[in-house]
């Protein structure tokens, strides 16, 4: 059953890879993920390559499809490039915050 085993355990993902998986499942671009996580786009591309290798996908679209089927957005925690945890807002929360200001 998809979603029964956390992605980190199922695919052996690092915290940074799981965070990127969550961003991709939320529809974010690599540039958005890099900006939100405080890393370079090249670092995010490295995480993407490892994520695709571990999940057996060859295209980013196939990876996103797999993540959506597995419910990655709900399971992966948001972790910065250097392993520090960070509460990163979802697009909906960010939009609501910008409307309040």
Protein backbone atom coordinates (compact mmCIF):
# COMPACT_ATOMS: atom_id res chain seq x y z
CA UNK A 1 0.00 0.00 0.00
CA UNK A 2 1.55 3.33 -1.06
CA UNK A 3 2.37 5.63 1.80
CA UNK A 4 2.51 2.84 4.39
CA UNK A 5 6.32 2.97 4.62
CA UNK A 6 7.99 6.40 4.86
CA UNK A 7 9.91 7.36 1.73
CA UNK A 8 13.17 7.63 3.62
CA UNK A 9 12.92 3.98 4.64
CA UNK A 10 11.44 2.67 1.39
CA UNK A 11 14.09 4.20 -0.86
CA UNK A 12 16.90 4.87 1.62
CA UNK A 13 16.69 8.64 1.17
CA UNK A 14 18.75 11.14 3.09
CA UNK A 15 16.94 13.97 4.86
CA UNK A 16 17.94 16.40 2.09
CA UNK A 17 16.64 14.04 -0.62
CA UNK A 18 13.38 13.58 1.28
CA UNK A 19 13.01 17.36 1.58
CA UNK A 20 13.52 17.75 -2.16
CA UNK A 21 10.97 14.98 -2.77
CA UNK A 22 8.45 16.94 -0.70
CA UNK A 23 9.14 20.11 -2.68
CA UNK A 24 8.73 18.31 -6.00
CA UNK A 25 5.51 16.64 -4.83
CA UNK A 26 4.20 20.13 -3.95
CA UNK A 27 4.90 21.27 -7.52
CA UNK A 28 7.95 23.40 -6.79
CA UNK A 29 10.74 23.89 -9.32
CA UNK A 30 14.36 23.08 -8.56
CA UNK A 31 15.11 26.81 -8.33
CA UNK A 32 12.28 27.29 -5.82
CA UNK A 33 13.48 24.34 -3.76
CA UNK A 34 17.03 25.71 -3.76
CA UNK A 35 15.87 29.17 -2.70
CA UNK A 36 13.65 27.82 0.08
CA UNK A 37 16.35 25.49 1.38
CA UNK A 38 19.15 28.02 1.16
CA UNK A 39 21.29 26.03 -1.27
CA UNK A 40 22.48 26.39 -4.82
CA UNK A 41 20.56 24.95 -7.75
CA UNK A 42 23.56 22.71 -8.44
CA UNK A 43 23.27 21.19 -4.95
CA UNK A 44 19.57 20.53 -5.55
CA UNK A 45 20.41 18.96 -8.93
CA UNK A 46 22.82 16.62 -7.15
CA UNK A 47 20.08 15.64 -4.69
CA UNK A 48 17.70 15.15 -7.63
CA UNK A 49 20.14 12.84 -9.42
CA UNK A 50 20.57 10.72 -6.27
CA UNK A 51 16.82 10.72 -5.64
CA UNK A 52 16.15 9.52 -9.18
CA UNK A 53 18.82 6.84 -8.89
CA UNK A 54 17.42 5.53 -5.62
CA UNK A 55 13.83 5.46 -6.90
CA UNK A 56 14.76 3.95 -10.26
CA UNK A 57 13.32 6.83 -12.27
CA UNK A 58 14.97 8.37 -15.34
CA UNK A 59 12.85 11.49 -15.80
CA UNK A 60 11.84 14.15 -13.32
CA UNK A 61 8.21 13.78 -14.43
CA UNK A 62 8.31 10.05 -13.64
CA UNK A 63 9.81 10.82 -10.23
CA UNK A 64 7.07 13.35 -9.46
CA UNK A 65 4.41 10.84 -10.50
CA UNK A 66 5.93 8.23 -8.19
CA UNK A 67 6.10 10.75 -5.35
CA UNK A 68 2.48 11.77 -5.84
CA UNK A 69 1.38 8.13 -5.76
CA UNK A 70 3.41 7.56 -2.59
CA UNK A 71 2.19 10.72 -0.88
CA UNK A 72 5.67 12.23 -0.52
CA UNK A 73 4.48 15.69 0.43
CA UNK A 74 2.90 14.41 3.63
CA UNK A 75 5.80 12.12 4.58
CA UNK A 76 9.03 13.97 3.85
CA UNK A 77 10.31 16.55 6.26
CA UNK A 78 11.86 19.80 5.10
CA UNK A 79 15.55 19.89 5.84
CA UNK A 80 18.09 22.45 4.74
CA UNK A 81 21.14 21.63 2.62
CA UNK A 82 23.39 21.26 5.63
CA UNK A 83 21.03 19.06 7.63
CA UNK A 84 19.43 21.79 9.71
CA UNK A 85 15.71 21.41 10.11
CA UNK A 86 13.57 24.27 8.89
CA UNK A 87 9.84 24.77 8.88
CA UNK A 88 9.29 25.59 5.24
CA UNK A 89 5.88 26.92 4.30
CA UNK A 90 3.75 25.29 1.69
CA UNK A 91 2.61 27.41 -1.21
CA UNK A 92 -0.80 27.84 0.42
CA UNK A 93 0.70 28.97 3.73
CA UNK A 94 3.08 31.36 1.97
CA UNK A 95 0.21 32.84 -0.05
CA UNK A 96 -1.89 33.28 3.09
CA UNK A 97 1.04 34.95 4.88
CA UNK A 98 1.60 37.36 2.00
CA UNK A 99 -2.10 38.33 2.02
CA UNK A 100 -1.84 39.19 5.72
CA UNK A 101 0.98 41.66 5.17
